C-alpha atoms as a PDB file:
ATOM      1  CA  MET A   1       2.792  64.771  -7.881  1.00  0.00           C
ATOM      2  CA  VAL A   2      -0.177  63.197  -6.101  1.00  0.00           C
ATOM      3  CA  ARG A   3      -0.621  60.826  -9.064  1.00  0.00           C
ATOM      4  CA  MET A   4       3.033  59.794  -8.897  1.00  0.00           C
ATOM      5  CA  ALA A   5       2.739  59.199  -5.152  1.00  0.00           C
ATOM      6  CA  LYS A   6      -0.282  56.975  -5.714  1.00  0.00           C
ATOM      7  CA  ILE A   7       1.545  54.972  -8.388  1.00  0.00           C
ATOM      8  CA  SER A   8       4.528  54.596  -6.094  1.00  0.00           C
ATOM      9  CA  LEU A   9       2.271  53.403  -3.263  1.00  0.00           C
ATOM     10  CA  VAL A  10       0.532  50.868  -5.512  1.00  0.00           C
ATOM     11  CA  ALA A  11       3.882  49.579  -6.741  1.00  0.00           C
ATOM     12  CA  ARG A  12       5.071  49.177  -3.163  1.00  0.00           C
ATOM     13  CA  LEU A  13       1.898  47.333  -2.192  1.00  0.00           C
ATOM     14  CA  VAL A  14       2.257  44.972  -5.163  1.00  0.00           C
ATOM     15  CA  THR A  15       5.867  44.309  -4.212  1.00  0.00           C
ATOM     16  CA  VAL A  16       4.944  43.670  -0.569  1.00  0.00           C
ATOM     17  CA  SER A  17       2.145  41.315  -1.640  1.00  0.00           C
ATOM     18  CA  ALA A  18       4.495  39.394  -3.932  1.00  0.00           C
ATOM     19  CA  VAL A  19       7.101  39.083  -1.207  1.00  0.00           C
ATOM     20  CA  ALA A  20       4.463  37.976   1.299  1.00  0.00           C
ATOM     21  CA  ALA A  21       3.194  35.323  -1.113  1.00  0.00           C
ATOM     22  CA  LEU A  22       6.745  34.085  -1.665  1.00  0.00           C
ATOM     23  CA  VAL A  23       7.362  33.937   2.078  1.00  0.00           C
ATOM     24  CA  LEU A  24       4.136  32.016   2.632  1.00  0.00           C
ATOM     25  CA  ALA A  25       4.973  29.558  -0.149  1.00  0.00           C
ATOM     26  CA  THR A  26       8.484  29.098   1.183  1.00  0.00           C
ATOM     27  CA  SER A  27       7.176  28.629   4.729  1.00  0.00           C
ATOM     28  CA  ALA A  28       4.629  26.058   3.544  1.00  0.00           C
ATOM     29  CA  ALA A  29       7.329  24.115   1.718  1.00  0.00           C
ATOM     30  CA  ALA A  30       9.632  24.325   4.730  1.00  0.00           C
ATOM     31  CA  ALA A  31       6.831  23.108   6.991  1.00  0.00           C
ATOM     32  CA  GLU A  32       6.185  19.998   4.882  1.00  0.00           C
ATOM     33  CA  PRO A  33       7.324  16.812   6.670  1.00  0.00           C
ATOM     34  CA  THR A  34      10.807  15.701   5.645  1.00  0.00           C
ATOM     35  CA  ARG A  35       9.815  12.491   3.857  1.00  0.00           C
ATOM     36  CA  VAL A  36       7.038  14.228   1.950  1.00  0.00           C
ATOM     37  CA  ALA A  37       9.307  17.108   0.939  1.00  0.00           C
ATOM     38  CA  LYS A  38      11.939  14.682  -0.345  1.00  0.00           C
ATOM     39  CA  ALA A  39       9.290  12.648  -2.187  1.00  0.00           C
ATOM     40  CA  ARG A  40       8.047  15.858  -3.793  1.00  0.00           C
ATOM     41  CA  ALA A  41      11.568  16.808  -4.903  1.00  0.00           C
ATOM     42  CA  ASP A  42      12.266  13.315  -6.281  1.00  0.00           C
ATOM     43  CA  LYS A  43       8.929  12.234  -7.718  1.00  0.00           C
ATOM     44  CA  LEU A  44       6.672  15.180  -8.545  1.00  0.00           C
ATOM     45  CA  ALA A  45       7.954  15.981 -12.033  1.00  0.00           C
ATOM     46  CA  GLY A  46       7.709  12.376 -13.206  1.00  0.00           C
ATOM     47  CA  LEU A  47       4.312  11.937 -11.587  1.00  0.00           C
ATOM     48  CA  LYS A  48       2.914  15.057 -13.248  1.00  0.00           C
ATOM     49  CA  ALA A  49       4.243  13.773 -16.567  1.00  0.00           C
ATOM     50  CA  ALA A  50       2.456  10.436 -16.038  1.00  0.00           C
ATOM     51  CA  PHE A  51      -0.807  12.286 -15.387  1.00  0.00           C
ATOM     52  CA  ALA A  52      -0.311  14.558 -18.400  1.00  0.00           C
ATOM     53  CA  ASP A  53       0.417  11.522 -20.592  1.00  0.00           C
ATOM     54  CA  LYS A  54      -3.086  10.228 -19.765  1.00  0.00           C
ATOM     55  CA  GLY A  55      -4.683  13.657 -20.205  1.00  0.00           C
ATOM     56  CA  VAL A  56      -5.464  13.953 -16.492  1.00  0.00           C
ATOM     57  CA  PRO A  57      -4.938  17.313 -14.718  1.00  0.00           C
ATOM     58  CA  TRP A  58      -2.677  17.676 -11.704  1.00  0.00           C
ATOM     59  CA  PRO A  59      -3.916  17.581  -9.068  1.00  0.00           C
ATOM     60  CA  ALA A  60      -6.646  15.133 -10.024  1.00  0.00           C
ATOM     61  CA  LYS A  61     -10.273  15.925  -9.276  1.00  0.00           C
ATOM     62  CA  GLU A  62     -11.166  12.258  -8.757  1.00  0.00           C
ATOM     63  CA  ILE A  63      -9.120   9.250  -7.647  1.00  0.00           C
ATOM     64  CA  LEU A  64      -9.803   5.550  -7.209  1.00  0.00           C
ATOM     65  CA  VAL A  65      -7.331   3.027  -5.812  1.00  0.00           C
ATOM     66  CA  ARG A  66      -7.887  -0.676  -6.510  1.00  0.00           C
ATOM     67  CA  ALA A  67      -6.057  -3.617  -4.928  1.00  0.00           C
ATOM     68  CA  PHE A  68      -6.167  -7.223  -6.134  1.00  0.00           C
ATOM     69  CA  LYS A  69      -4.883  -9.630  -3.496  1.00  0.00           C
ATOM     70  CA  LYS A  70      -4.295 -12.787  -5.554  1.00  0.00           C
ATOM     71  CA  ASP A  71      -2.761 -10.771  -8.400  1.00  0.00           C
ATOM     72  CA  GLY A  72      -0.561  -8.782  -6.015  1.00  0.00           C
ATOM     73  CA  ALA A  73      -1.362  -5.471  -7.707  1.00  0.00           C
ATOM     74  CA  LEU A  74      -2.347  -1.960  -6.644  1.00  0.00           C
ATOM     75  CA  GLU A  75      -3.751   0.490  -9.203  1.00  0.00           C
ATOM     76  CA  LEU A  76      -4.060   4.286  -9.207  1.00  0.00           C
ATOM     77  CA  TRP A  77      -6.891   5.614 -11.356  1.00  0.00           C
ATOM     78  CA  ALA A  78      -7.542   9.345 -11.716  1.00  0.00           C
ATOM     79  CA  GLY A  79      -9.615  11.830 -13.677  1.00  0.00           C
ATOM     80  CA  ASP A  80     -10.877  15.356 -14.076  1.00  0.00           C
ATOM     81  CA  GLY A  81     -14.149  14.711 -12.245  1.00  0.00           C
ATOM     82  CA  LYS A  82     -16.169  14.658 -15.459  1.00  0.00           C
ATOM     83  CA  SER A  83     -14.651  12.069 -17.794  1.00  0.00           C
ATOM     84  CA  PRO A  84     -14.043   8.347 -17.224  1.00  0.00           C
ATOM     85  CA  LEU A  85     -10.981   7.634 -15.105  1.00  0.00           C
ATOM     86  CA  SER A  86      -7.609   6.695 -16.559  1.00  0.00           C
ATOM     87  CA  LEU A  87      -5.114   4.194 -15.181  1.00  0.00           C
ATOM     88  CA  ILE A  88      -2.117   6.300 -14.136  1.00  0.00           C
ATOM     89  CA  LYS A  89       0.087   3.742 -12.392  1.00  0.00           C
ATOM     90  CA  SER A  90       0.067   0.116 -11.291  1.00  0.00           C
ATOM     91  CA  TRP A  91       2.492  -1.244  -8.704  1.00  0.00           C
ATOM     92  CA  PRO A  92       3.173  -4.721  -7.332  1.00  0.00           C
ATOM     93  CA  VAL A  93       2.163  -5.482  -3.765  1.00  0.00           C
ATOM     94  CA  CYS A  94       5.520  -6.715  -2.521  1.00  0.00           C
ATOM     95  CA  ALA A  95       4.439  -8.864   0.453  1.00  0.00           C
ATOM     96  CA  SER A  96       1.249 -10.642   1.481  1.00  0.00           C
ATOM     97  CA  SER A  97      -0.347 -11.815   4.674  1.00  0.00           C
ATOM     98  CA  GLY A  98      -3.122 -14.289   5.417  1.00  0.00           C
ATOM     99  CA  ALA A  99      -5.160 -15.923   2.659  1.00  0.00           C
ATOM    100  CA  LEU A 100      -7.922 -15.001   0.243  1.00  0.00           C
ATOM    101  CA  GLY A 101     -10.993 -13.971   2.184  1.00  0.00           C
ATOM    102  CA  PRO A 102     -12.040 -10.974   4.270  1.00  0.00           C
ATOM    103  CA  LYS A 103     -10.577  -9.755   7.524  1.00  0.00           C
ATOM    104  CA  ARG A 104     -12.865 -10.716  10.400  1.00  0.00           C
ATOM    105  CA  ARG A 105     -10.997 -10.269  13.687  1.00  0.00           C
ATOM    106  CA  GLN A 106      -7.994  -8.747  15.409  1.00  0.00           C
ATOM    107  CA  GLY A 107      -4.828 -10.756  14.827  1.00  0.00           C
ATOM    108  CA  ASP A 108      -6.073 -12.918  11.942  1.00  0.00           C
ATOM    109  CA  LEU A 109      -3.382 -11.418   9.643  1.00  0.00           C
ATOM    110  CA  GLN A 110      -5.970 -10.963   6.895  1.00  0.00           C
ATOM    111  CA  VAL A 111      -6.010  -8.071   4.434  1.00  0.00           C
ATOM    112  CA  PRO A 112      -9.597  -6.731   4.294  1.00  0.00           C
ATOM    113  CA  GLU A 113     -11.771  -7.194   1.213  1.00  0.00           C
ATOM    114  CA  GLY A 114     -14.405  -4.606   0.447  1.00  0.00           C
ATOM    115  CA  VAL A 115     -15.161  -0.999  -0.444  1.00  0.00           C
ATOM    116  CA  TYR A 116     -13.284   1.468   1.758  1.00  0.00           C
ATOM    117  CA  ARG A 117     -11.712   4.918   1.822  1.00  0.00           C
ATOM    118  CA  LEU A 118      -8.166   6.084   2.349  1.00  0.00           C
ATOM    119  CA  ASP A 119      -9.105   8.505   5.089  1.00  0.00           C
ATOM    120  CA  LYS A 120      -5.815   9.491   6.775  1.00  0.00           C
ATOM    121  CA  LEU A 121      -2.270  10.221   5.611  1.00  0.00           C
ATOM    122  CA  ASN A 122       0.717   9.526   7.850  1.00  0.00           C
ATOM    123  CA  PRO A 123       3.976  11.267   6.851  1.00  0.00           C
ATOM    124  CA  VAL A 124       5.941   9.755   9.753  1.00  0.00           C
ATOM    125  CA  SER A 125       4.887   6.130   9.417  1.00  0.00           C
ATOM    126  CA  SER A 126       7.086   3.320  10.703  1.00  0.00           C
ATOM    127  CA  TYR A 127       6.866   2.095   7.093  1.00  0.00           C
ATOM    128  CA  HIS A 128       8.046   5.290   5.360  1.00  0.00           C
ATOM    129  CA  LEU A 129       4.679   6.827   4.363  1.00  0.00           C
ATOM    130  CA  SER A 130       1.238   5.338   4.860  1.00  0.00           C
ATOM    131  CA  LEU A 131      -2.427   5.756   3.935  1.00  0.00           C
ATOM    132  CA  HIS A 132      -5.035   4.515   6.389  1.00  0.00           C
ATOM    133  CA  VAL A 133      -7.861   2.256   5.176  1.00  0.00           C
ATOM    134  CA  ASP A 134     -11.136   2.911   7.035  1.00  0.00           C
ATOM    135  CA  TYR A 135     -11.626  -0.736   8.019  1.00  0.00           C
ATOM    136  CA  PRO A 136     -13.873  -1.882   9.650  1.00  0.00           C
ATOM    137  CA  ASN A 137     -16.772  -0.418   7.704  1.00  0.00           C
ATOM    138  CA  ARG A 138     -20.484  -1.082   8.014  1.00  0.00           C
ATOM    139  CA  ALA A 139     -20.271  -4.375   6.093  1.00  0.00           C
ATOM    140  CA  ASP A 140     -17.450  -5.617   8.335  1.00  0.00           C
ATOM    141  CA  ARG A 141     -19.322  -4.645  11.490  1.00  0.00           C
ATOM    142  CA  ALA A 142     -22.434  -6.463  10.244  1.00  0.00           C
ATOM    143  CA  ALA A 143     -20.355  -9.591   9.570  1.00  0.00           C
ATOM    144  CA  GLY A 144     -18.765  -9.333  13.013  1.00  0.00           C
ATOM    145  CA  LYS A 145     -22.151  -9.031  14.669  1.00  0.00           C
ATOM    146  CA  ARG A 146     -23.475 -11.985  12.698  1.00  0.00           C
ATOM    147  CA  GLU A 147     -20.521 -14.137  13.741  1.00  0.00           C
ATOM    148  CA  GLY A 148     -20.348 -12.883  17.328  1.00  0.00           C
ATOM    149  CA  ILE A 149     -16.913 -11.274  16.887  1.00  0.00           C
ATOM    150  CA  ARG A 150     -16.377  -8.190  19.023  1.00  0.00           C
ATOM    151  CA  ASN A 151     -12.814  -7.180  18.173  1.00  0.00           C
ATOM    152  CA  LEU A 152     -12.588  -6.753  14.404  1.00  0.00           C
ATOM    153  CA  GLY A 153      -9.091  -5.260  14.454  1.00  0.00           C
ATOM    154  CA  GLY A 154      -7.980  -2.166  12.565  1.00  0.00           C
ATOM    155  CA  ASP A 155      -4.941  -0.057  11.683  1.00  0.00           C
ATOM    156  CA  ILE A 156      -4.913  -1.294   8.094  1.00  0.00           C
ATOM    157  CA  MET A 157      -2.635   0.742   5.837  1.00  0.00           C
ATOM    158  CA  VAL A 158      -1.257   1.010   2.358  1.00  0.00           C
ATOM    159  CA  HIS A 159       2.389   1.718   3.124  1.00  0.00           C
ATOM    160  CA  GLY A 160       6.019   1.596   2.079  1.00  0.00           C
ATOM    161  CA  GLU A 161       8.714  -0.934   2.968  1.00  0.00           C
ATOM    162  CA  CYS A 162       7.988  -4.612   2.275  1.00  0.00           C
ATOM    163  CA  VAL A 163       6.556  -6.256   5.389  1.00  0.00           C
ATOM    164  CA  THR A 164       2.956  -6.893   6.403  1.00  0.00           C
ATOM    165  CA  ILE A 165       0.695  -8.459   8.996  1.00  0.00           C
ATOM    166  CA  GLY A 166      -2.516  -7.475   7.213  1.00  0.00           C
ATOM    167  CA  CYS A 167      -1.629  -4.265   5.376  1.00  0.00           C
ATOM    168  CA  ILE A 168      -0.799  -3.545   1.724  1.00  0.00           C
ATOM    169  CA  PRO A 169       2.935  -2.803   1.280  1.00  0.00           C
ATOM    170  CA  ILE A 170       4.147  -1.412  -2.058  1.00  0.00           C
ATOM    171  CA  GLU A 171       7.711  -0.306  -1.178  1.00  0.00           C
ATOM    172  CA  ASN A 172       8.921   3.251  -0.772  1.00  0.00           C
ATOM    173  CA  ASP A 173       9.076   4.677  -4.298  1.00  0.00           C
ATOM    174  CA  PRO A 174       5.481   3.685  -5.156  1.00  0.00           C
ATOM    175  CA  ILE A 175       4.035   4.887  -1.829  1.00  0.00           C
ATOM    176  CA  GLU A 176       5.685   8.272  -2.390  1.00  0.00           C
ATOM    177  CA  GLU A 177       3.908   8.618  -5.741  1.00  0.00           C
ATOM    178  CA  LEU A 178       0.555   7.458  -4.406  1.00  0.00           C
ATOM    179  CA  TYR A 179       0.864   9.631  -1.292  1.00  0.00           C
ATOM    180  CA  LEU A 180       1.638  12.776  -3.320  1.00  0.00           C
ATOM    181  CA  ALA A 181      -1.230  12.135  -5.755  1.00  0.00           C
ATOM    182  CA  ILE A 182      -3.717  11.895  -2.898  1.00  0.00           C
ATOM    183  CA  LEU A 183      -2.191  14.666  -0.778  1.00  0.00           C
ATOM    184  CA  ASP A 184      -2.118  17.242  -3.568  1.00  0.00           C
ATOM    185  CA  ALA A 185      -5.631  16.326  -4.725  1.00  0.00           C
ATOM    186  CA  GLY A 186      -6.939  16.973  -1.208  1.00  0.00           C
ATOM    187  CA  LEU A 187      -9.118  13.882  -1.458  1.00  0.00           C
ATOM    188  CA  ARG A 188      -9.943  10.931   0.751  1.00  0.00           C
ATOM    189  CA  PRO A 189     -10.506   8.578  -2.153  1.00  0.00           C
ATOM    190  CA  PRO A 190     -12.168   5.176  -2.305  1.00  0.00           C
ATOM    191  CA  ILE A 191     -10.056   2.049  -2.275  1.00  0.00           C
ATOM    192  CA  HIS A 192     -11.636  -1.166  -3.544  1.00  0.00           C
ATOM    193  CA  ILE A 193      -9.875  -4.271  -2.236  1.00  0.00           C
ATOM    194  CA  PHE A 194     -10.717  -7.436  -4.182  1.00  0.00           C
ATOM    195  CA  PRO A 195      -9.725 -11.058  -3.558  1.00  0.00           C
ATOM    196  CA  ALA A 196      -8.733 -11.366  -7.231  1.00  0.00           C
ATOM    197  CA  ARG A 197      -9.316  -9.862 -10.639  1.00  0.00           C
ATOM    198  CA  VAL A 198     -12.046 -12.033 -12.161  1.00  0.00           C
ATOM    199  CA  ASP A 199     -14.317 -12.455 -15.144  1.00  0.00           C
ATOM    200  CA  GLU A 200     -17.477 -14.561 -14.859  1.00  0.00           C
ATOM    201  CA  GLY A 201     -15.595 -17.832 -15.288  1.00  0.00           C
ATOM    202  CA  GLY A 202     -12.938 -16.730 -12.830  1.00  0.00           C
ATOM    203  CA  LEU A 203     -15.588 -15.806 -10.279  1.00  0.00           C
ATOM    204  CA  ALA A 204     -17.138 -19.268 -10.518  1.00  0.00           C
ATOM    205  CA  THR A 205     -13.744 -20.860  -9.877  1.00  0.00           C
ATOM    206  CA  LEU A 206     -12.998 -18.465  -7.017  1.00  0.00           C
ATOM    207  CA  VAL A 207     -16.357 -18.961  -5.341  1.00  0.00           C
ATOM    208  CA  SER A 208     -16.079 -22.737  -5.556  1.00  0.00           C
ATOM    209  CA  SER A 209     -12.905 -22.552  -3.444  1.00  0.00           C
ATOM    210  CA  ALA A 210     -14.698 -21.000  -0.445  1.00  0.00           C
ATOM    211  CA  SER A 211     -16.501 -23.178   2.080  1.00  0.00           C
ATOM    212  CA  ASP A 212     -18.076 -20.222   3.892  1.00  0.00           C
ATOM    213  CA  ALA A 213     -21.353 -19.099   2.281  1.00  0.00           C
ATOM    214  CA  SER A 214     -20.913 -15.512   3.521  1.00  0.00           C
ATOM    215  CA  VAL A 215     -17.509 -15.316   1.796  1.00  0.00           C
ATOM    216  CA  ARG A 216     -18.954 -16.647  -1.448  1.00  0.00           C
ATOM    217  CA  GLU A 217     -21.668 -14.003  -1.174  1.00  0.00           C
ATOM    218  CA  LEU A 218     -19.119 -11.245  -0.519  1.00  0.00           C
ATOM    219  CA  TRP A 219     -16.988 -12.270  -3.486  1.00  0.00           C
ATOM    220  CA  GLY A 220     -20.010 -12.219  -5.774  1.00  0.00           C
ATOM    221  CA  ASP A 221     -20.952  -8.737  -4.583  1.00  0.00           C
ATOM    222  CA  LEU A 222     -17.385  -7.436  -5.000  1.00  0.00           C
ATOM    223  CA  ALA A 223     -17.197  -8.892  -8.509  1.00  0.00           C
ATOM    224  CA  GLN A 224     -20.176  -6.714  -9.409  1.00  0.00           C
ATOM    225  CA  VAL A 225     -18.290  -3.673  -8.081  1.00  0.00           C
ATOM    226  CA  GLN A 226     -15.199  -4.598 -10.111  1.00  0.00           C
ATOM    227  CA  TRP A 227     -17.188  -5.153 -13.290  1.00  0.00           C
ATOM    228  CA  ALA A 228     -19.215  -1.950 -12.881  1.00  0.00           C
ATOM    229  CA  PHE A 229     -16.009   0.073 -12.910  1.00  0.00           C
ATOM    230  CA  ASP A 230     -14.374  -2.017 -15.639  1.00  0.00           C
ATOM    231  CA  ARG A 231     -17.392  -1.385 -17.858  1.00  0.00           C
ATOM    232  CA  ASP A 232     -17.281   2.425 -17.975  1.00  0.00           C
ATOM    233  CA  ARG A 233     -14.335   3.477 -15.767  1.00  0.00           C
ATOM    234  CA  ARG A 234     -16.567   5.492 -13.470  1.00  0.00           C
ATOM    235  CA  VAL A 235     -16.580   4.866  -9.725  1.00  0.00           C
ATOM    236  CA  PRO A 236     -19.823   3.046  -8.912  1.00  0.00           C
ATOM    237  CA  ARG A 237     -21.944   4.296  -6.053  1.00  0.00           C
ATOM    238  CA  VAL A 238     -21.798   1.455  -3.546  1.00  0.00           C
ATOM    239  CA  GLU A 239     -23.837   1.216  -0.362  1.00  0.00           C
ATOM    240  CA  VAL A 240     -24.147  -1.391   2.382  1.00  0.00           C
ATOM    241  CA  ASP A 241     -27.684  -2.679   2.866  1.00  0.00           C
ATOM    242  CA  ALA A 242     -29.377  -3.733   6.092  1.00  0.00           C
ATOM    243  CA  ALA A 243     -27.966  -7.250   5.745  1.00  0.00           C
ATOM    244  CA  GLY A 244     -24.425  -5.914   5.439  1.00  0.00           C
ATOM    245  CA  ARG A 245     -24.070  -6.611   1.733  1.00  0.00           C
ATOM    246  CA  TYR A 246     -22.548  -4.309  -0.889  1.00  0.00           C
ATOM    247  CA  VAL A 247     -25.151  -2.971  -3.297  1.00  0.00           C
ATOM    248  CA  ILE A 248     -24.537  -0.809  -6.366  1.00  0.00           C
ATOM    249  CA  LYS A 249     -26.997   2.059  -6.584  1.00  0.00           C
END
């Protein structure tokens, strides 16, 4: 009788635990912001299939986002944290602002160029969903100091819709996919923003179009970052030296 009572108690506890877990899961889903919940319902199955097709687990253990301004492209690379990364998705950047060259001051309408992180997620953005780029970084601040610029600007995002005054818009369907990939991974991944996708000949042509020596220097440094990743599909370790230049370690 005692044994049966114990079994009954264990069964009840298991049932209570299962119900509690279901309630917690349901509450978590209910608490998810409306746009994110809808994106999850609409996009998650297809996104998981795209990851599986490349042999990448969901959620990813490692993510890299790359943007190429002249080419008007944004790439999502992901991996298991051990193997080289795979290209999961590439989307067009649907609107542009400014010209080739880095962002240097508030109101210049420039999209930054450099090595950054997507450090904040905004589920209630004025542009559907958005991912914040941590501009200005140490390299930008060094350039601002060198040029005597105090207000470098900020609030640079990768976002939905198709308007920009210095951000990277990719429309609503793509931002939903990118947002979910980063949200579910629990990462604040690097984003590398390049003036253009270049080989050595392309870099020479690009550099020759810039009159500013510091911009030519920056483009050369960023080309090394691009090529380092292209070579082995592993995110290079990039630091900013005392002069404010990107250096691969």
